[in-house]
């Protein structure tokens, strides 16, 4: 890992996958916002959390795209508390490395240097690009020690719909629709796939101000959150390339 983490007692981490709704470490503060120059893609394989060696799941990574924007959540953390956990979860088990970027808060007033855990085509778990139907089928069919791969996808999509409604992520939301269609076709229970865990996500009041009226499913023509689960919270195709780090 880079010295940008090892040399600092305090730093910011950008989460764009499961860290958004299940960070798993202590942090001083968090805020929602975005980074530029990347797009989120389900191109990373996973055999330790959302899949197995025999049937790898698919989880998110970032790929370089000049005009891309990825919405997510930044955390202010202490290395003594968070670093060992993040190294194990993201690097040792997940196959990710670190890079850095600039995070822009949702309110437009803050610009922060952040560490990003990111997978590239050089790691052993890399699955790479595939048709969205194939990726959705793989997500639907896989599960691992941390739960079903469907849970990973739908909790992330739900977080974006509810707390970053301005986010435009065709890749993520198309996969969500495809997986939900498959669940309906197979007459499966969403709540069963999601597991019985509740995730309490603390967002700072001054960083989050969206009313429940903004999330009325009846106003969504595509109704991507039909049969949705609930969080408990306080508050055109482009050419992409693997990161060369």
C-alpha atoms as a PDB file:
ATOM      1  CA  UNK A   1       0.000   0.000   0.000  1.00  0.00           C
ATOM      2  CA  UNK A   2       1.089   3.524  -0.619  1.00  0.00           C
ATOM      3  CA  UNK A   3       2.829   5.773   1.880  1.00  0.00           C
ATOM      4  CA  UNK A   4      -0.117   8.177   1.638  1.00  0.00           C
ATOM      5  CA  UNK A   5      -1.801   5.932   4.201  1.00  0.00           C
ATOM      6  CA  UNK A   6       1.168   4.564   6.119  1.00  0.00           C
ATOM      7  CA  UNK A   7       2.613   8.033   6.742  1.00  0.00           C
ATOM      8  CA  UNK A   8      -0.518   9.642   8.180  1.00  0.00           C
ATOM      9  CA  UNK A   9      -2.334   9.123  11.480  1.00  0.00           C
ATOM     10  CA  UNK A  10      -5.543  10.558  10.014  1.00  0.00           C
ATOM     11  CA  UNK A  11      -6.907  10.408   6.495  1.00  0.00           C
ATOM     12  CA  UNK A  12     -10.096  10.208   4.416  1.00  0.00           C
ATOM     13  CA  UNK A  13     -11.318   7.076   2.630  1.00  0.00           C
ATOM     14  CA  UNK A  14     -13.786   7.078  -0.265  1.00  0.00           C
ATOM     15  CA  UNK A  15     -16.312   4.248  -0.308  1.00  0.00           C
ATOM     16  CA  UNK A  16     -18.235   3.401  -3.470  1.00  0.00           C
ATOM     17  CA  UNK A  17     -19.338  -0.196  -2.760  1.00  0.00           C
ATOM     18  CA  UNK A  18     -20.196  -1.934   0.487  1.00  0.00           C
ATOM     19  CA  UNK A  19     -18.321   0.721   2.497  1.00  0.00           C
ATOM     20  CA  UNK A  20     -21.247   3.062   1.754  1.00  0.00           C
ATOM     21  CA  UNK A  21     -23.646   1.037   3.878  1.00  0.00           C
ATOM     22  CA  UNK A  22     -21.355  -1.194   5.936  1.00  0.00           C
ATOM     23  CA  UNK A  23     -17.987   0.462   6.646  1.00  0.00           C
ATOM     24  CA  UNK A  24     -17.162  -1.884   9.529  1.00  0.00           C
ATOM     25  CA  UNK A  25     -14.630   0.455  11.150  1.00  0.00           C
ATOM     26  CA  UNK A  26     -14.710   3.430  13.477  1.00  0.00           C
ATOM     27  CA  UNK A  27     -14.544   6.878  11.912  1.00  0.00           C
ATOM     28  CA  UNK A  28     -14.685  10.493  13.048  1.00  0.00           C
ATOM     29  CA  UNK A  29     -17.006  11.833  10.378  1.00  0.00           C
ATOM     30  CA  UNK A  30     -18.566  10.901   7.055  1.00  0.00           C
ATOM     31  CA  UNK A  31     -20.113  12.775   4.169  1.00  0.00           C
ATOM     32  CA  UNK A  32     -21.676  11.951   0.816  1.00  0.00           C
ATOM     33  CA  UNK A  33     -20.385  13.295  -2.474  1.00  0.00           C
ATOM     34  CA  UNK A  34     -18.385  12.214  -5.515  1.00  0.00           C
ATOM     35  CA  UNK A  35     -15.025  11.782  -7.178  1.00  0.00           C
ATOM     36  CA  UNK A  36     -14.261  12.592 -10.804  1.00  0.00           C
ATOM     37  CA  UNK A  37     -12.397  10.738 -13.538  1.00  0.00           C
ATOM     38  CA  UNK A  38     -13.791   7.254 -12.777  1.00  0.00           C
ATOM     39  CA  UNK A  39     -16.792   5.051 -13.442  1.00  0.00           C
ATOM     40  CA  UNK A  40     -18.060   2.267 -11.183  1.00  0.00           C
ATOM     41  CA  UNK A  41     -18.077  -1.216 -12.717  1.00  0.00           C
ATOM     42  CA  UNK A  42     -18.850  -4.708 -11.368  1.00  0.00           C
ATOM     43  CA  UNK A  43     -15.696  -6.145 -12.903  1.00  0.00           C
ATOM     44  CA  UNK A  44     -13.929  -7.428  -9.776  1.00  0.00           C
ATOM     45  CA  UNK A  45     -14.380 -11.035  -8.716  1.00  0.00           C
ATOM     46  CA  UNK A  46     -14.873 -11.959  -5.088  1.00  0.00           C
ATOM     47  CA  UNK A  47     -14.278 -15.332  -3.422  1.00  0.00           C
ATOM     48  CA  UNK A  48     -14.113 -14.316   0.257  1.00  0.00           C
ATOM     49  CA  UNK A  49     -17.242 -12.242   0.888  1.00  0.00           C
ATOM     50  CA  UNK A  50     -19.842 -12.513  -1.903  1.00  0.00           C
ATOM     51  CA  UNK A  51     -18.726 -15.659  -3.664  1.00  0.00           C
ATOM     52  CA  UNK A  52     -16.529 -18.740  -3.462  1.00  0.00           C
ATOM     53  CA  UNK A  53     -13.511 -20.037  -5.334  1.00  0.00           C
ATOM     54  CA  UNK A  54     -15.822 -22.307  -7.311  1.00  0.00           C
ATOM     55  CA  UNK A  55     -18.367 -19.538  -7.990  1.00  0.00           C
ATOM     56  CA  UNK A  56     -16.854 -16.051  -7.652  1.00  0.00           C
ATOM     57  CA  UNK A  57     -19.242 -13.195  -7.063  1.00  0.00           C
ATOM     58  CA  UNK A  58     -18.942  -9.783  -8.686  1.00  0.00           C
ATOM     59  CA  UNK A  59     -18.290  -6.580  -6.740  1.00  0.00           C
ATOM     60  CA  UNK A  60     -17.555  -2.993  -7.658  1.00  0.00           C
ATOM     61  CA  UNK A  61     -14.308  -1.366  -8.659  1.00  0.00           C
ATOM     62  CA  UNK A  62     -13.481   1.893 -10.417  1.00  0.00           C
ATOM     63  CA  UNK A  63     -12.130   2.274 -13.934  1.00  0.00           C
ATOM     64  CA  UNK A  64     -10.675   5.409 -15.431  1.00  0.00           C
ATOM     65  CA  UNK A  65     -13.023   7.546 -17.502  1.00  0.00           C
ATOM     66  CA  UNK A  66     -12.108  11.140 -18.214  1.00  0.00           C
ATOM     67  CA  UNK A  67     -15.617  12.555 -17.851  1.00  0.00           C
ATOM     68  CA  UNK A  68     -16.810  10.000 -15.298  1.00  0.00           C
ATOM     69  CA  UNK A  69     -18.286  10.783 -11.884  1.00  0.00           C
ATOM     70  CA  UNK A  70     -18.800   8.260  -9.078  1.00  0.00           C
ATOM     71  CA  UNK A  71     -21.007   9.089  -6.105  1.00  0.00           C
ATOM     72  CA  UNK A  72     -20.361   7.551  -2.727  1.00  0.00           C
ATOM     73  CA  UNK A  73     -19.321   8.282   0.823  1.00  0.00           C
ATOM     74  CA  UNK A  74     -16.112   9.614   2.389  1.00  0.00           C
ATOM     75  CA  UNK A  75     -14.941   8.724   5.895  1.00  0.00           C
ATOM     76  CA  UNK A  76     -12.483  10.545   8.137  1.00  0.00           C
ATOM     77  CA  UNK A  77     -10.558   7.840   9.989  1.00  0.00           C
ATOM     78  CA  UNK A  78      -7.543   7.214  12.225  1.00  0.00           C
ATOM     79  CA  UNK A  79      -5.009   4.756  10.827  1.00  0.00           C
ATOM     80  CA  UNK A  80      -4.595   2.998  14.180  1.00  0.00           C
ATOM     81  CA  UNK A  81      -8.278   2.099  14.243  1.00  0.00           C
ATOM     82  CA  UNK A  82      -9.148   1.614  10.573  1.00  0.00           C
ATOM     83  CA  UNK A  83      -5.978   0.723   8.688  1.00  0.00           C
ATOM     84  CA  UNK A  84      -5.512  -2.935   9.783  1.00  0.00           C
ATOM     85  CA  UNK A  85      -9.188  -3.637   9.118  1.00  0.00           C
ATOM     86  CA  UNK A  86      -9.130  -1.978   5.682  1.00  0.00           C
ATOM     87  CA  UNK A  87      -5.894  -3.676   4.663  1.00  0.00           C
ATOM     88  CA  UNK A  88      -7.378  -7.072   5.462  1.00  0.00           C
ATOM     89  CA  UNK A  89     -10.863  -6.502   4.031  1.00  0.00           C
ATOM     90  CA  UNK A  90      -9.936  -4.646   0.860  1.00  0.00           C
ATOM     91  CA  UNK A  91      -6.378  -5.702   0.041  1.00  0.00           C
ATOM     92  CA  UNK A  92      -5.650  -9.138   1.492  1.00  0.00           C
ATOM     93  CA  UNK A  93      -9.131 -10.614   0.990  1.00  0.00           C
ATOM     94  CA  UNK A  94     -10.455  -8.432  -1.822  1.00  0.00           C
ATOM     95  CA  UNK A  95      -7.433  -7.984  -4.077  1.00  0.00           C
ATOM     96  CA  UNK A  96      -7.595  -4.177  -4.093  1.00  0.00           C
ATOM     97  CA  UNK A  97      -4.739  -1.683  -4.042  1.00  0.00           C
ATOM     98  CA  UNK A  98      -4.813   2.008  -3.135  1.00  0.00           C
ATOM     99  CA  UNK A  99      -4.796   5.190  -5.140  1.00  0.00           C
ATOM    100  CA  UNK A 100      -5.822   8.748  -4.320  1.00  0.00           C
ATOM    101  CA  UNK A 101      -8.193  11.330  -5.729  1.00  0.00           C
ATOM    102  CA  UNK A 102     -10.169  14.428  -4.797  1.00  0.00           C
ATOM    103  CA  UNK A 103     -13.587  14.095  -3.168  1.00  0.00           C
ATOM    104  CA  UNK A 104     -16.247  16.770  -3.635  1.00  0.00           C
ATOM    105  CA  UNK A 105     -18.941  16.992  -0.946  1.00  0.00           C
ATOM    106  CA  UNK A 106     -22.578  16.932  -1.952  1.00  0.00           C
ATOM    107  CA  UNK A 107     -23.159  20.453  -0.610  1.00  0.00           C
ATOM    108  CA  UNK A 108     -20.418  21.768  -2.897  1.00  0.00           C
ATOM    109  CA  UNK A 109     -18.406  23.422  -0.133  1.00  0.00           C
ATOM    110  CA  UNK A 110     -15.737  20.831   0.620  1.00  0.00           C
ATOM    111  CA  UNK A 111     -12.919  19.390  -1.476  1.00  0.00           C
ATOM    112  CA  UNK A 112     -10.851  16.686   0.231  1.00  0.00           C
ATOM    113  CA  UNK A 113      -7.986  14.390  -0.711  1.00  0.00           C
ATOM    114  CA  UNK A 114      -9.151  10.775  -0.308  1.00  0.00           C
ATOM    115  CA  UNK A 115      -7.698   7.287  -0.441  1.00  0.00           C
ATOM    116  CA  UNK A 116      -9.551   4.863  -2.727  1.00  0.00           C
ATOM    117  CA  UNK A 117      -9.305   1.087  -2.638  1.00  0.00           C
ATOM    118  CA  UNK A 118      -9.433  -0.032  -6.233  1.00  0.00           C
ATOM    119  CA  UNK A 119      -9.008  -3.245  -8.217  1.00  0.00           C
ATOM    120  CA  UNK A 120      -7.124  -3.468 -11.502  1.00  0.00           C
ATOM    121  CA  UNK A 121      -6.794  -6.110 -14.192  1.00  0.00           C
ATOM    122  CA  UNK A 122      -3.515  -7.256 -12.643  1.00  0.00           C
ATOM    123  CA  UNK A 123      -5.055  -8.906  -9.575  1.00  0.00           C
ATOM    124  CA  UNK A 124      -5.951 -12.598  -9.440  1.00  0.00           C
ATOM    125  CA  UNK A 125      -9.652 -12.004  -8.801  1.00  0.00           C
ATOM    126  CA  UNK A 126     -10.217  -9.759 -11.820  1.00  0.00           C
ATOM    127  CA  UNK A 127     -13.156 -10.843 -14.008  1.00  0.00           C
ATOM    128  CA  UNK A 128     -13.352  -7.835 -16.281  1.00  0.00           C
ATOM    129  CA  UNK A 129     -15.989  -6.603 -18.671  1.00  0.00           C
ATOM    130  CA  UNK A 130     -18.933  -8.781 -19.681  1.00  0.00           C
ATOM    131  CA  UNK A 131     -22.478  -8.258 -21.021  1.00  0.00           C
ATOM    132  CA  UNK A 132     -24.718  -6.804 -18.332  1.00  0.00           C
ATOM    133  CA  UNK A 133     -27.072  -9.783 -18.580  1.00  0.00           C
ATOM    134  CA  UNK A 134     -24.165 -12.103 -17.803  1.00  0.00           C
ATOM    135  CA  UNK A 135     -22.982  -9.983 -14.875  1.00  0.00           C
ATOM    136  CA  UNK A 136     -26.526  -9.858 -13.473  1.00  0.00           C
ATOM    137  CA  UNK A 137     -26.877 -13.641 -13.789  1.00  0.00           C
ATOM    138  CA  UNK A 138     -23.594 -14.176 -11.953  1.00  0.00           C
ATOM    139  CA  UNK A 139     -24.650 -11.829  -9.143  1.00  0.00           C
ATOM    140  CA  UNK A 140     -27.982 -13.624  -8.869  1.00  0.00           C
ATOM    141  CA  UNK A 141     -26.351 -17.044  -8.605  1.00  0.00           C
ATOM    142  CA  UNK A 142     -23.511 -16.313  -6.161  1.00  0.00           C
ATOM    143  CA  UNK A 143     -23.174 -16.035  -2.414  1.00  0.00           C
ATOM    144  CA  UNK A 144     -20.353 -16.203   0.103  1.00  0.00           C
ATOM    145  CA  UNK A 145     -19.458 -15.918   3.804  1.00  0.00           C
ATOM    146  CA  UNK A 146     -20.735 -12.316   4.017  1.00  0.00           C
ATOM    147  CA  UNK A 147     -24.038 -13.068   2.326  1.00  0.00           C
ATOM    148  CA  UNK A 148     -25.641 -13.203  -1.091  1.00  0.00           C
ATOM    149  CA  UNK A 149     -24.147 -11.235  -3.953  1.00  0.00           C
ATOM    150  CA  UNK A 150     -27.637  -9.829  -4.563  1.00  0.00           C
ATOM    151  CA  UNK A 151     -27.481  -8.107  -1.170  1.00  0.00           C
ATOM    152  CA  UNK A 152     -24.268  -6.302  -2.121  1.00  0.00           C
ATOM    153  CA  UNK A 153     -25.807  -4.960  -5.347  1.00  0.00           C
ATOM    154  CA  UNK A 154     -29.216  -3.987  -4.002  1.00  0.00           C
ATOM    155  CA  UNK A 155     -27.984  -2.328  -0.813  1.00  0.00           C
ATOM    156  CA  UNK A 156     -25.597  -0.205  -2.862  1.00  0.00           C
ATOM    157  CA  UNK A 157     -28.304   0.739  -5.381  1.00  0.00           C
ATOM    158  CA  UNK A 158     -30.720   1.543  -2.550  1.00  0.00           C
ATOM    159  CA  UNK A 159     -28.154   3.753  -0.851  1.00  0.00           C
ATOM    160  CA  UNK A 160     -27.714   5.722  -4.080  1.00  0.00           C
ATOM    161  CA  UNK A 161     -31.443   6.034  -4.747  1.00  0.00           C
ATOM    162  CA  UNK A 162     -32.239   7.230  -1.249  1.00  0.00           C
ATOM    163  CA  UNK A 163     -29.259   9.356  -0.258  1.00  0.00           C
ATOM    164  CA  UNK A 164     -27.692  10.499  -3.527  1.00  0.00           C
ATOM    165  CA  UNK A 165     -30.745  10.794  -5.792  1.00  0.00           C
ATOM    166  CA  UNK A 166     -28.826  12.968  -8.242  1.00  0.00           C
ATOM    167  CA  UNK A 167     -26.458  10.082  -8.992  1.00  0.00           C
ATOM    168  CA  UNK A 168     -26.554   8.805 -12.557  1.00  0.00           C
ATOM    169  CA  UNK A 169     -25.031   5.336 -12.740  1.00  0.00           C
ATOM    170  CA  UNK A 170     -26.378   3.435 -15.731  1.00  0.00           C
ATOM    171  CA  UNK A 171     -24.206   0.386 -15.043  1.00  0.00           C
ATOM    172  CA  UNK A 172     -25.316  -0.004 -11.415  1.00  0.00           C
ATOM    173  CA  UNK A 173     -28.987   0.757 -11.954  1.00  0.00           C
ATOM    174  CA  UNK A 174     -29.288  -1.457 -15.047  1.00  0.00           C
ATOM    175  CA  UNK A 175     -27.834  -4.363 -13.066  1.00  0.00           C
ATOM    176  CA  UNK A 176     -30.307  -3.606 -10.305  1.00  0.00           C
ATOM    177  CA  UNK A 177     -33.240  -3.809 -12.727  1.00  0.00           C
ATOM    178  CA  UNK A 178     -31.950  -7.013 -14.321  1.00  0.00           C
ATOM    179  CA  UNK A 179     -31.445  -8.725 -10.979  1.00  0.00           C
ATOM    180  CA  UNK A 180     -34.835  -7.629  -9.673  1.00  0.00           C
ATOM    181  CA  UNK A 181     -36.435  -8.971 -12.864  1.00  0.00           C
ATOM    182  CA  UNK A 182     -34.704 -12.302 -12.332  1.00  0.00           C
ATOM    183  CA  UNK A 183     -35.892 -12.395  -8.704  1.00  0.00           C
ATOM    184  CA  UNK A 184     -39.450 -11.798  -9.879  1.00  0.00           C
ATOM    185  CA  UNK A 185     -39.193 -14.436 -12.621  1.00  0.00           C
ATOM    186  CA  UNK A 186     -37.922 -17.010 -10.116  1.00  0.00           C
ATOM    187  CA  UNK A 187     -40.573 -15.964  -7.580  1.00  0.00           C
ATOM    188  CA  UNK A 188     -37.907 -15.470  -4.910  1.00  0.00           C
ATOM    189  CA  UNK A 189     -38.132 -13.355  -1.763  1.00  0.00           C
ATOM    190  CA  UNK A 190     -35.982 -10.220  -1.765  1.00  0.00           C
ATOM    191  CA  UNK A 191     -35.813 -10.145   2.029  1.00  0.00           C
ATOM    192  CA  UNK A 192     -34.507 -13.705   2.104  1.00  0.00           C
ATOM    193  CA  UNK A 193     -31.697 -12.790  -0.283  1.00  0.00           C
ATOM    194  CA  UNK A 194     -30.917  -9.661   1.733  1.00  0.00           C
ATOM    195  CA  UNK A 195     -30.493 -11.547   5.011  1.00  0.00           C
ATOM    196  CA  UNK A 196     -31.861 -10.494   8.379  1.00  0.00           C
ATOM    197  CA  UNK A 197     -29.280  -7.847   9.266  1.00  0.00           C
ATOM    198  CA  UNK A 198     -29.985  -4.160   9.833  1.00  0.00           C
ATOM    199  CA  UNK A 199     -27.347  -1.578   8.974  1.00  0.00           C
ATOM    200  CA  UNK A 200     -27.514   1.688  10.902  1.00  0.00           C
ATOM    201  CA  UNK A 201     -25.697   4.351   8.904  1.00  0.00           C
ATOM    202  CA  UNK A 202     -24.901   7.650  10.610  1.00  0.00           C
ATOM    203  CA  UNK A 203     -24.767  10.568   8.202  1.00  0.00           C
ATOM    204  CA  UNK A 204     -23.932  14.002   9.552  1.00  0.00           C
ATOM    205  CA  UNK A 205     -27.000  16.226   9.589  1.00  0.00           C
ATOM    206  CA  UNK A 206     -25.269  19.060   7.757  1.00  0.00           C
ATOM    207  CA  UNK A 207     -24.213  16.732   4.949  1.00  0.00           C
ATOM    208  CA  UNK A 208     -27.572  15.152   4.321  1.00  0.00           C
ATOM    209  CA  UNK A 209     -30.850  16.939   3.704  1.00  0.00           C
ATOM    210  CA  UNK A 210     -33.234  14.918   1.538  1.00  0.00           C
ATOM    211  CA  UNK A 211     -36.875  14.476   2.498  1.00  0.00           C
ATOM    212  CA  UNK A 212     -38.739  11.181   2.283  1.00  0.00           C
ATOM    213  CA  UNK A 213     -40.955  12.749  -0.378  1.00  0.00           C
ATOM    214  CA  UNK A 214     -38.039  12.559  -2.785  1.00  0.00           C
ATOM    215  CA  UNK A 215     -38.193   8.765  -2.630  1.00  0.00           C
ATOM    216  CA  UNK A 216     -41.826   7.993  -3.449  1.00  0.00           C
ATOM    217  CA  UNK A 217     -41.739   4.755  -5.438  1.00  0.00           C
ATOM    218  CA  UNK A 218     -45.035   5.695  -7.104  1.00  0.00           C
ATOM    219  CA  UNK A 219     -43.263   8.556  -8.861  1.00  0.00           C
ATOM    220  CA  UNK A 220     -40.592   6.325 -10.371  1.00  0.00           C
ATOM    221  CA  UNK A 221     -41.617   5.166 -13.818  1.00  0.00           C
ATOM    222  CA  UNK A 222     -39.190   2.267 -13.765  1.00  0.00           C
ATOM    223  CA  UNK A 223     -40.001   1.386 -10.128  1.00  0.00           C
ATOM    224  CA  UNK A 224     -36.510  -0.066  -9.534  1.00  0.00           C
ATOM    225  CA  UNK A 225     -37.120  -0.465  -5.796  1.00  0.00           C
ATOM    226  CA  UNK A 226     -40.241  -2.623  -5.884  1.00  0.00           C
ATOM    227  CA  UNK A 227     -40.328  -5.002  -2.892  1.00  0.00           C
ATOM    228  CA  UNK A 228     -37.491  -2.993  -1.428  1.00  0.00           C
ATOM    229  CA  UNK A 229     -35.800  -3.665   1.876  1.00  0.00           C
ATOM    230  CA  UNK A 230     -35.282  -0.808   4.324  1.00  0.00           C
ATOM    231  CA  UNK A 231     -32.244   0.842   5.864  1.00  0.00           C
ATOM    232  CA  UNK A 232     -32.401   2.351   9.354  1.00  0.00           C
ATOM    233  CA  UNK A 233     -30.636   5.710   9.068  1.00  0.00           C
ATOM    234  CA  UNK A 234     -30.528   8.911  11.019  1.00  0.00           C
ATOM    235  CA  UNK A 235     -30.411  10.989   8.506  1.00  0.00           C
ATOM    236  CA  UNK A 236     -24.177   6.854 -23.908  1.00  0.00           C
ATOM    237  CA  UNK A 237     -21.662   3.874 -23.619  1.00  0.00           C
ATOM    238  CA  UNK A 238     -18.088   5.037 -23.274  1.00  0.00           C
ATOM    239  CA  UNK A 239     -14.732   3.395 -23.729  1.00  0.00           C
ATOM    240  CA  UNK A 240     -13.130   2.479 -20.424  1.00  0.00           C
ATOM    241  CA  UNK A 241      -9.748   1.080 -19.559  1.00  0.00           C
ATOM    242  CA  UNK A 242      -8.170  -0.723 -16.659  1.00  0.00           C
ATOM    243  CA  UNK A 243      -6.277   1.527 -14.268  1.00  0.00           C
ATOM    244  CA  UNK A 244      -2.518   1.499 -14.729  1.00  0.00           C
ATOM    245  CA  UNK A 245      -1.140   2.100 -11.253  1.00  0.00           C
END
